[in-house]
Protein backbone atom coordinates (compact mmCIF):
# COMPACT_ATOMS: atom_id res chain seq x y z
CA MET A 1 140.81 78.21 109.75
CA SER A 2 143.60 78.50 107.17
CA ALA A 3 144.49 74.78 107.33
CA HIS A 4 141.09 73.91 105.84
CA HIS A 5 141.67 76.28 102.91
CA GLU A 6 145.20 75.03 102.39
CA GLN A 7 144.33 71.33 102.39
CA ARG A 8 141.44 71.54 99.93
CA ILE A 9 143.35 73.78 97.51
CA ILE A 10 146.48 71.60 97.60
CA ALA A 11 144.42 68.44 97.00
CA GLU A 12 143.02 69.92 93.77
CA LEU A 13 146.26 71.50 92.54
CA GLN A 14 148.30 68.32 92.99
CA MET A 15 146.17 66.65 90.31
CA LEU A 16 146.87 69.44 87.80
CA ALA A 17 149.64 68.33 85.44
CA ASP A 18 149.97 71.66 83.59
CA PRO A 19 149.25 74.45 86.11
CA THR A 20 148.64 77.46 83.86
CA PRO A 21 147.08 80.60 85.39
CA THR A 22 143.83 79.91 83.51
CA LYS A 23 143.59 76.35 84.85
CA VAL A 24 144.52 77.43 88.39
CA ARG A 25 141.85 80.16 88.34
CA ALA A 26 139.27 77.61 87.16
CA ILE A 27 140.15 75.28 90.06
CA LEU A 28 140.01 78.10 92.60
CA ASN A 29 136.68 79.29 91.18
CA GLY A 30 135.38 75.72 91.40
CA LEU A 31 136.33 75.66 95.08
CA GLY A 32 134.24 78.80 95.63
CA TYR A 33 136.92 81.50 95.52
CA THR A 34 135.64 84.39 93.40
CA ASP A 35 137.87 86.34 91.02
CA GLU A 36 137.75 89.28 93.46
CA ARG A 37 139.53 87.11 96.06
CA ILE A 38 142.24 85.75 93.71
CA HIS A 39 145.31 88.00 93.39
CA HIS A 40 148.77 88.01 91.79
CA LEU A 41 147.99 84.99 89.61
CA LYS A 42 151.04 84.60 87.39
CA GLN A 43 153.09 82.02 85.57
CA ASP A 44 156.53 81.30 87.07
CA GLY A 45 158.29 78.89 84.76
CA ARG A 46 156.27 75.66 84.80
CA ARG A 47 154.47 76.75 87.97
CA THR A 48 151.79 79.31 88.77
CA ARG A 49 151.88 81.52 91.86
CA PHE A 50 148.81 83.15 93.41
CA HIS A 51 147.32 84.68 96.55
CA ILE A 52 143.81 84.36 97.94
CA ASP A 53 142.24 87.09 100.05
CA LEU A 54 140.58 85.38 103.04
CA ARG A 55 139.97 88.56 105.04
CA GLU A 56 136.60 88.77 106.79
CA ASP A 57 135.28 90.99 109.60
CA GLY A 58 138.57 92.85 110.13
CA GLY A 59 140.68 89.69 109.80
CA ARG A 60 144.01 89.69 107.98
CA LEU A 61 144.30 86.09 106.75
CA CYS A 62 145.36 85.28 103.21
CA ALA A 63 146.83 82.26 101.46
CA SER A 64 149.95 82.16 99.28
CA GLY A 65 149.90 79.37 96.72
CA LEU A 66 152.22 77.64 94.31
CA ALA A 67 150.60 75.38 91.73
CA ALA A 68 153.24 72.90 90.61
CA GLY A 69 151.52 69.54 90.14
CA ALA A 70 152.46 66.97 92.78
CA VAL A 71 154.59 69.50 94.71
CA SER A 72 151.89 72.20 94.92
CA ASP A 73 151.82 74.11 98.17
CA VAL A 74 149.68 76.68 99.98
CA VAL A 75 150.80 78.53 103.11
CA PRO A 76 149.11 81.20 105.24
CA CYS A 77 150.03 84.85 104.86
CA VAL A 78 148.92 88.14 106.41
CA ALA A 79 147.30 91.03 104.55
CA ALA A 80 146.47 94.59 105.53
CA ALA A 81 143.24 94.54 107.56
CA GLU A 82 141.58 97.29 105.54
CA GLY A 83 141.68 98.69 102.06
CA PRO A 84 142.98 97.06 98.90
CA PHE A 85 144.56 93.62 99.18
CA LYS A 86 148.20 94.05 100.19
CA ILE A 87 150.37 91.35 101.74
CA THR A 88 152.18 92.47 104.90
CA SER A 89 153.81 89.17 105.91
CA GLU A 90 154.59 86.00 104.00
CA VAL A 91 156.94 83.17 104.90
CA ARG A 92 157.48 80.52 102.26
CA PRO A 93 159.58 77.45 103.14
């Protein structure tokens, strides 16, 4: 399930030359991710980092993203199953 999310987000972010938080949010919104699902969106130098809450029906899936033009990346992460969005495990290469 997460590979589908990762691939479609990366494809859009790689075309973004200047990945500001505002532009990244607009792309994510355009892909159907509502503001309530987008977390920790922040500028990191010339890149923008973010998380997407993909939890459904007790699931714990989330995505950790780095918008950096051609080298953009999205990897799966794990969030707390219930309550506010909180990442419990994240491994970034």
